[in-house]
Amino acid sequence: MAVVSSKRSVMTLFSGALCVHSHRARIVLAEKGITHDVTPVPGERFPEDLLDLNPYGSVPTLVDRDLVIYYSRVIIEYLDERFPHPPLMPVDPVSRARARLVLTRVESEWYPEVELIQSGDSKANLDRARKTLREGVIASADVFAAKPFFLSDEFSLVDCTIAPVLWRLPKLGVEVPRQARAILDYAERIFSRDSFQASLSDSERELRA
């Protein structure tokens, strides 16, 4: 996170069109109905504006007037606290801790496999990543079935984090078997939300065209 002098009057998100981290930030922005601009960052060609703001040159990067945030987990929690309605994290400490554990698990176990598959690595590594991701998603089938949203009766930051992975599964070559139907039903509930549809970049829409 950095504090800089900025003339931006509207919140701006520097976003990768197919980046799972950027996608979850866009879902939160849409769910909250936050007025913002999206600056697309194509591939590795980072615009000078972004490099001036973020020493890592990474996406997503959020600029809110004089504040610059460049880690997606910090971005989504900042947005939830800065714009508290609707709340996207549980109120009680125990439930919040459980939600944060799920966020950490998805970030550390699912996101790296998505990024590896998208990178077009060697066939052996891609096959391993697909297998690991498929097993990780399917292992959570009972949790997907338990409530309307993941571990919750209300839509949360956890759903904002899981949805980008599920949306990409067919394009990544990861098939969810019929016996894990609860995952597919959950995905359809999330994908049908106005906020999810509004969050999609053109490139992301083409993943399911």
Protein backbone atom coordinates (compact mmCIF):
# COMPACT_ATOMS: atom_id res chain seq x y z
CA MET A 1 0.00 0.00 0.00
CA ALA A 2 1.24 3.51 -0.77
CA VAL A 3 0.01 7.06 -0.30
CA VAL A 4 0.72 9.36 -3.24
CA SER A 5 -0.32 12.67 -4.63
CA SER A 6 -3.05 11.96 -7.17
CA LYS A 7 -5.47 14.08 -9.19
CA ARG A 8 -7.87 11.19 -9.79
CA SER A 9 -11.36 12.11 -8.60
CA VAL A 10 -12.88 8.68 -9.31
CA MET A 11 -11.61 5.39 -7.95
CA THR A 12 -9.51 3.59 -10.56
CA LEU A 13 -8.68 -0.10 -10.84
CA PHE A 14 -5.75 -1.21 -12.98
CA SER A 15 -6.92 -4.65 -14.03
CA GLY A 16 -5.77 -7.64 -16.03
CA ALA A 17 -8.45 -8.91 -18.40
CA LEU A 18 -7.93 -12.58 -17.45
CA CYS A 19 -6.32 -12.14 -14.03
CA VAL A 20 -8.20 -13.99 -11.26
CA HIS A 21 -6.96 -11.49 -8.67
CA SER A 22 -8.25 -8.57 -10.75
CA HIS A 23 -11.55 -10.34 -11.36
CA ARG A 24 -12.36 -10.73 -7.68
CA ALA A 25 -11.69 -7.02 -7.13
CA ARG A 26 -14.05 -6.19 -10.00
CA ILE A 27 -16.76 -8.41 -8.48
CA VAL A 28 -16.52 -6.55 -5.16
CA LEU A 29 -16.68 -3.16 -6.91
CA ALA A 30 -19.78 -4.27 -8.82
CA GLU A 31 -21.44 -5.86 -5.77
CA LYS A 32 -20.98 -2.64 -3.81
CA GLY A 33 -22.13 -0.47 -6.72
CA ILE A 34 -18.97 1.65 -6.40
CA THR A 35 -18.41 4.26 -9.08
CA HIS A 36 -15.01 3.53 -10.61
CA ASP A 37 -12.94 3.42 -13.76
CA VAL A 38 -11.18 0.30 -14.99
CA THR A 39 -7.83 0.75 -16.72
CA PRO A 40 -7.05 -2.45 -18.66
CA VAL A 41 -3.48 -3.71 -18.40
CA PRO A 42 -2.69 -5.95 -21.38
CA GLY A 43 -0.29 -8.80 -20.70
CA GLU A 44 3.04 -7.68 -19.32
CA ARG A 45 2.96 -4.23 -20.94
CA PHE A 46 2.42 -2.16 -17.83
CA PRO A 47 1.45 1.48 -18.48
CA GLU A 48 3.72 4.15 -17.05
CA ASP A 49 0.93 5.33 -14.75
CA LEU A 50 0.87 1.94 -13.07
CA LEU A 51 4.64 1.69 -12.73
CA ASP A 52 4.70 5.13 -11.11
CA LEU A 53 2.02 4.09 -8.60
CA ASN A 54 2.98 0.51 -7.83
CA PRO A 55 6.66 -0.48 -7.40
CA TYR A 56 5.75 -4.10 -8.24
CA GLY A 57 3.93 -3.16 -11.45
CA SER A 58 1.26 -5.73 -10.60
CA VAL A 59 -2.48 -6.02 -11.08
CA PRO A 60 -4.89 -5.37 -9.63
CA THR A 61 -3.87 -1.95 -8.36
CA LEU A 62 -6.52 0.30 -6.83
CA VAL A 63 -6.22 4.08 -6.70
CA ASP A 64 -8.64 5.87 -4.38
CA ARG A 65 -7.67 9.56 -4.53
CA ASP A 66 -4.35 9.69 -2.64
CA LEU A 67 -4.32 6.03 -1.66
CA VAL A 68 -2.78 3.25 -3.76
CA ILE A 69 -3.33 -0.41 -2.87
CA TYR A 70 -1.73 -3.21 -4.87
CA TYR A 71 -2.57 -6.56 -3.33
CA SER A 72 -5.96 -8.03 -4.18
CA ARG A 73 -6.75 -9.32 -0.67
CA VAL A 74 -6.02 -5.89 0.79
CA ILE A 75 -8.06 -4.27 -1.98
CA ILE A 76 -11.21 -6.32 -1.41
CA GLU A 77 -11.09 -5.98 2.38
CA TYR A 78 -10.47 -2.22 2.03
CA LEU A 79 -13.49 -1.88 -0.27
CA ASP A 80 -15.67 -3.83 2.16
CA GLU A 81 -14.66 -1.58 5.04
CA ARG A 82 -14.72 1.66 3.05
CA PHE A 83 -18.19 0.90 1.64
CA PRO A 84 -19.88 -1.18 4.37
CA HIS A 85 -23.20 -1.76 2.57
CA PRO A 86 -23.83 -4.46 1.68
CA PRO A 87 -21.37 -6.11 4.10
CA LEU A 88 -19.30 -8.88 2.51
CA MET A 89 -17.72 -10.29 5.67
CA PRO A 90 -19.42 -11.79 8.74
CA VAL A 91 -19.82 -9.58 11.78
CA ASP A 92 -18.75 -12.00 14.51
CA PRO A 93 -15.01 -12.74 14.97
CA VAL A 94 -15.31 -16.53 14.71
CA SER A 95 -17.11 -16.42 11.36
CA ARG A 96 -14.73 -13.75 10.08
CA ALA A 97 -11.76 -15.93 11.02
CA ARG A 98 -13.28 -18.89 9.19
CA ALA A 99 -13.90 -16.75 6.12
CA ARG A 100 -10.32 -15.50 6.16
CA LEU A 101 -9.03 -19.07 6.39
CA VAL A 102 -11.02 -19.97 3.27
CA LEU A 103 -9.73 -16.87 1.49
CA THR A 104 -6.17 -17.85 2.33
CA ARG A 105 -6.73 -21.43 1.18
CA VAL A 106 -8.17 -20.40 -2.19
CA GLU A 107 -5.42 -17.84 -2.71
CA SER A 108 -2.63 -20.26 -1.86
CA GLU A 109 -4.01 -23.52 -3.33
CA TRP A 110 -6.33 -22.67 -6.24
CA TYR A 111 -5.10 -19.36 -7.65
CA PRO A 112 -1.50 -20.52 -8.32
CA GLU A 113 -2.81 -23.53 -10.28
CA VAL A 114 -5.09 -21.28 -12.35
CA GLU A 115 -2.19 -18.96 -13.13
CA LEU A 116 0.11 -21.86 -14.00
CA ILE A 117 -2.41 -23.33 -16.45
CA GLN A 118 -2.98 -19.90 -18.01
CA SER A 119 0.78 -19.47 -18.43
CA GLY A 120 1.00 -22.41 -20.85
CA ASP A 121 3.79 -24.25 -19.04
CA SER A 122 5.05 -27.74 -19.99
CA LYS A 123 2.44 -30.46 -20.54
CA ALA A 124 3.54 -32.31 -17.41
CA ASN A 125 3.15 -29.22 -15.25
CA LEU A 126 -0.19 -28.34 -16.83
CA ASP A 127 -1.54 -31.84 -16.27
CA ARG A 128 -0.40 -31.73 -12.65
CA ALA A 129 -1.96 -28.29 -12.12
CA ARG A 130 -5.28 -29.40 -13.64
CA LYS A 131 -5.35 -32.50 -11.45
CA THR A 132 -4.51 -30.52 -8.30
CA LEU A 133 -7.10 -27.85 -9.04
CA ARG A 134 -9.81 -30.37 -9.90
CA GLU A 135 -9.21 -32.37 -6.71
CA GLY A 136 -9.15 -29.20 -4.60
CA VAL A 137 -12.46 -27.94 -5.97
CA ILE A 138 -14.21 -31.31 -5.78
CA ALA A 139 -13.01 -31.87 -2.20
CA SER A 140 -15.17 -28.90 -1.19
CA ALA A 141 -18.37 -30.25 -2.77
CA ASP A 142 -20.09 -30.88 0.58
CA VAL A 143 -19.41 -27.29 1.65
CA PHE A 144 -20.85 -25.96 -1.61
CA ALA A 145 -24.00 -27.98 -0.93
CA ALA A 146 -24.47 -26.91 2.69
CA LYS A 147 -25.60 -23.31 2.21
CA PRO A 148 -26.67 -20.98 -0.62
CA PHE A 149 -23.22 -19.38 -0.54
CA PHE A 150 -19.86 -20.75 0.58
CA LEU A 151 -20.11 -21.30 4.37
CA SER A 152 -22.74 -18.59 4.52
CA ASP A 153 -26.36 -17.65 3.92
CA GLU A 154 -25.14 -14.34 2.49
CA PHE A 155 -22.89 -13.49 -0.46
CA SER A 156 -19.38 -12.68 0.79
CA LEU A 157 -15.78 -11.98 -0.13
CA VAL A 158 -15.27 -15.75 -0.16
CA ASP A 159 -17.73 -16.06 -3.04
CA CYS A 160 -16.03 -13.15 -4.80
CA THR A 161 -12.78 -15.10 -4.54
CA ILE A 162 -14.07 -18.54 -5.57
CA ALA A 163 -16.24 -17.40 -8.50
CA PRO A 164 -13.35 -16.34 -10.80
CA VAL A 165 -11.87 -19.83 -10.48
CA LEU A 166 -15.12 -21.64 -11.25
CA TRP A 167 -15.82 -19.40 -14.24
CA ARG A 168 -12.47 -20.39 -15.77
CA LEU A 169 -12.64 -24.15 -15.18
CA PRO A 170 -13.96 -25.22 -18.61
CA LYS A 171 -11.36 -23.12 -20.44
CA LEU A 172 -8.64 -24.44 -18.14
CA GLY A 173 -9.56 -28.02 -19.06
CA VAL A 174 -10.88 -28.84 -15.58
CA GLU A 175 -14.14 -30.79 -15.56
CA VAL A 176 -16.44 -31.00 -12.56
CA PRO A 177 -18.08 -34.46 -12.45
CA ARG A 178 -21.84 -34.88 -12.16
CA GLN A 179 -21.57 -36.34 -8.67
CA ALA A 180 -20.28 -32.92 -7.60
CA ARG A 181 -23.45 -31.27 -8.93
CA ALA A 182 -23.61 -28.96 -5.89
CA ILE A 183 -20.56 -27.11 -7.22
CA LEU A 184 -22.20 -26.52 -10.60
CA ASP A 185 -25.44 -25.37 -8.95
CA TYR A 186 -23.50 -22.97 -6.74
CA ALA A 187 -21.62 -21.64 -9.75
CA GLU A 188 -24.81 -20.95 -11.65
CA ARG A 189 -26.27 -19.04 -8.68
CA ILE A 190 -23.17 -16.84 -8.53
CA PHE A 191 -22.83 -16.39 -12.29
CA SER A 192 -26.44 -15.22 -12.57
CA ARG A 193 -25.90 -12.33 -10.18
CA ASP A 194 -25.96 -8.89 -11.80
CA SER A 195 -22.74 -7.98 -10.03
CA PHE A 196 -20.90 -10.99 -11.44
CA GLN A 197 -22.08 -10.30 -14.97
CA ALA A 198 -21.07 -6.63 -14.61
CA SER A 199 -17.61 -7.66 -13.39
CA LEU A 200 -16.66 -9.62 -16.50
CA SER A 201 -14.13 -8.25 -18.94
CA ASP A 202 -14.68 -8.92 -22.65
CA SER A 203 -11.90 -11.53 -22.52
CA GLU A 204 -13.57 -13.29 -19.59
CA ARG A 205 -16.91 -13.39 -21.38
CA GLU A 206 -15.21 -15.12 -24.30
CA LEU A 207 -14.06 -17.91 -21.97
CA ARG A 208 -17.65 -19.18 -21.99
CA ALA A 209 -18.76 -17.95 -25.39
